[in-house]
Amino acid sequence: MSKYSQPTEKQELVLNTVRDRKYWRPPTFQRIADIVKMEKKSVYRILKILEGKDLLERVDDYYHPREWAYDNRWDGTSNE
C-alpha cells in the first residue's frame, strides 16, 4: 500500500471525532493529550475539536449552579 492510501494521524483524529459525535462518550486522557500536542491551541479550541459544541454546552451547564433548578438538579430548597 502506498502512504497516500492511509489517513494521516490528524485526518484519523478528525474522522474519529466525527464518528464519535453520533455515540457521545467522554474522551480519553490519551486522546486529549494527542490533540493538545497536535493543535497547541487554547483549551476552548481543543474542547471544540474533541466533541464539538455539544460538549461545551454540557460543561457550561454543569458548572453554572444558577441553571440547576431548570434541569432537576438540587435547587437548594428541598432536602431530598
C-alpha atoms as a PDB file:
ATOM      1  CA  MET A   1       0.000   0.000   0.000  1.00  0.00           C
ATOM      2  CA  SER A   2       1.212   3.478  -0.739  1.00  0.00           C
ATOM      3  CA  LYS A   3       1.444   6.040   2.027  1.00  0.00           C
ATOM      4  CA  TYR A   4      -1.308   8.049   0.332  1.00  0.00           C
ATOM      5  CA  SER A   5      -3.962   5.383   0.897  1.00  0.00           C
ATOM      6  CA  GLN A   6      -3.697   5.665   4.688  1.00  0.00           C
ATOM      7  CA  PRO A   7      -5.131   8.672   6.549  1.00  0.00           C
ATOM      8  CA  THR A   8      -2.626  10.836   8.358  1.00  0.00           C
ATOM      9  CA  GLU A   9      -2.691  10.995  12.145  1.00  0.00           C
ATOM     10  CA  LYS A  10      -4.604  14.273  12.072  1.00  0.00           C
ATOM     11  CA  GLN A  11      -7.087  13.046   9.455  1.00  0.00           C
ATOM     12  CA  GLU A  12      -7.693   9.896  11.514  1.00  0.00           C
ATOM     13  CA  LEU A  13      -8.371  12.045  14.590  1.00  0.00           C
ATOM     14  CA  VAL A  14     -10.898  14.141  12.661  1.00  0.00           C
ATOM     15  CA  LEU A  15     -12.593  11.028  11.282  1.00  0.00           C
ATOM     16  CA  ASN A  16     -12.843   9.524  14.771  1.00  0.00           C
ATOM     17  CA  THR A  17     -14.217  12.771  16.201  1.00  0.00           C
ATOM     18  CA  VAL A  18     -16.928  12.988  13.543  1.00  0.00           C
ATOM     19  CA  ARG A  19     -17.816   9.320  14.040  1.00  0.00           C
ATOM     20  CA  ASP A  20     -17.965   9.701  17.823  1.00  0.00           C
ATOM     21  CA  ARG A  21     -20.418  12.600  17.734  1.00  0.00           C
ATOM     22  CA  LYS A  22     -23.138  10.080  16.935  1.00  0.00           C
ATOM     23  CA  TYR A  23     -22.313   7.993  20.025  1.00  0.00           C
ATOM     24  CA  TRP A  24     -21.026  10.524  22.555  1.00  0.00           C
ATOM     25  CA  ARG A  25     -18.694   9.393  25.299  1.00  0.00           C
ATOM     26  CA  PRO A  26     -16.117  11.251  27.351  1.00  0.00           C
ATOM     27  CA  PRO A  27     -12.771  11.457  25.539  1.00  0.00           C
ATOM     28  CA  THR A  28      -9.833   9.532  26.972  1.00  0.00           C
ATOM     29  CA  PHE A  29      -6.888  11.346  28.516  1.00  0.00           C
ATOM     30  CA  GLN A  30      -4.661   9.968  25.753  1.00  0.00           C
ATOM     31  CA  ARG A  31      -6.948  11.383  23.083  1.00  0.00           C
ATOM     32  CA  ILE A  32      -6.903  14.803  24.755  1.00  0.00           C
ATOM     33  CA  ALA A  33      -3.114  14.651  25.038  1.00  0.00           C
ATOM     34  CA  ASP A  34      -2.789  13.782  21.340  1.00  0.00           C
ATOM     35  CA  ILE A  35      -4.907  16.761  20.340  1.00  0.00           C
ATOM     36  CA  VAL A  36      -3.069  19.113  22.694  1.00  0.00           C
ATOM     37  CA  LYS A  37       0.234  18.047  21.119  1.00  0.00           C
ATOM     38  CA  MET A  38      -1.040  18.464  17.564  1.00  0.00           C
ATOM     39  CA  GLU A  39      -3.036  21.641  17.982  1.00  0.00           C
ATOM     40  CA  LYS A  40      -1.087  23.650  20.591  1.00  0.00           C
ATOM     41  CA  LYS A  41      -4.113  25.919  20.906  1.00  0.00           C
ATOM     42  CA  SER A  42      -6.454  27.139  23.607  1.00  0.00           C
ATOM     43  CA  VAL A  43      -8.489  24.830  25.835  1.00  0.00           C
ATOM     44  CA  TYR A  44     -11.660  26.150  24.188  1.00  0.00           C
ATOM     45  CA  ARG A  45     -10.363  25.159  20.757  1.00  0.00           C
ATOM     46  CA  ILE A  46      -9.268  21.734  21.999  1.00  0.00           C
ATOM     47  CA  LEU A  47     -12.680  21.035  23.549  1.00  0.00           C
ATOM     48  CA  LYS A  48     -14.332  22.192  20.344  1.00  0.00           C
ATOM     49  CA  ILE A  49     -12.185  19.788  18.321  1.00  0.00           C
ATOM     50  CA  LEU A  50     -12.818  16.918  20.725  1.00  0.00           C
ATOM     51  CA  GLU A  51     -16.585  16.786  20.710  1.00  0.00           C
ATOM     52  CA  GLY A  52     -17.993  19.852  19.026  1.00  0.00           C
ATOM     53  CA  LYS A  53     -20.284  22.418  20.584  1.00  0.00           C
ATOM     54  CA  ASP A  54     -22.295  19.748  22.402  1.00  0.00           C
ATOM     55  CA  LEU A  55     -19.512  19.127  24.950  1.00  0.00           C
ATOM     56  CA  LEU A  56     -19.005  22.839  25.561  1.00  0.00           C
ATOM     57  CA  GLU A  57     -22.705  23.219  26.309  1.00  0.00           C
ATOM     58  CA  ARG A  58     -22.610  20.285  28.733  1.00  0.00           C
ATOM     59  CA  VAL A  59     -19.581  21.691  30.556  1.00  0.00           C
ATOM     60  CA  ASP A  60     -21.181  25.136  30.721  1.00  0.00           C
ATOM     61  CA  ASP A  61     -24.443  23.734  32.106  1.00  0.00           C
ATOM     62  CA  TYR A  62     -22.676  21.595  34.677  1.00  0.00           C
ATOM     63  CA  TYR A  63     -20.558  24.375  36.127  1.00  0.00           C
ATOM     64  CA  HIS A  64     -23.216  27.079  36.403  1.00  0.00           C
ATOM     65  CA  PRO A  65     -25.325  26.438  39.534  1.00  0.00           C
ATOM     66  CA  ARG A  66     -27.873  29.141  38.650  1.00  0.00           C
ATOM     67  CA  GLU A  67     -29.131  26.783  35.937  1.00  0.00           C
ATOM     68  CA  TRP A  68     -29.577  23.771  38.240  1.00  0.00           C
ATOM     69  CA  ALA A  69     -33.221  24.431  39.070  1.00  0.00           C
ATOM     70  CA  TYR A  70     -34.115  24.087  35.382  1.00  0.00           C
ATOM     71  CA  ASP A  71     -32.675  20.611  34.880  1.00  0.00           C
ATOM     72  CA  ASN A  72     -33.885  18.901  38.076  1.00  0.00           C
ATOM     73  CA  ARG A  73     -30.618  19.202  39.973  1.00  0.00           C
ATOM     74  CA  TRP A  74     -30.690  20.268  43.616  1.00  0.00           C
ATOM     75  CA  ASP A  75     -32.022  23.842  43.797  1.00  0.00           C
ATOM     76  CA  GLY A  76     -31.204  24.499  47.459  1.00  0.00           C
ATOM     77  CA  THR A  77     -34.792  24.290  48.680  1.00  0.00           C
ATOM     78  CA  SER A  78     -35.528  20.581  49.158  1.00  0.00           C
ATOM     79  CA  ASN A  79     -33.959  18.031  51.498  1.00  0.00           C
ATOM     80  CA  GLU A  80     -34.092  15.123  49.089  1.00  0.00           C
END
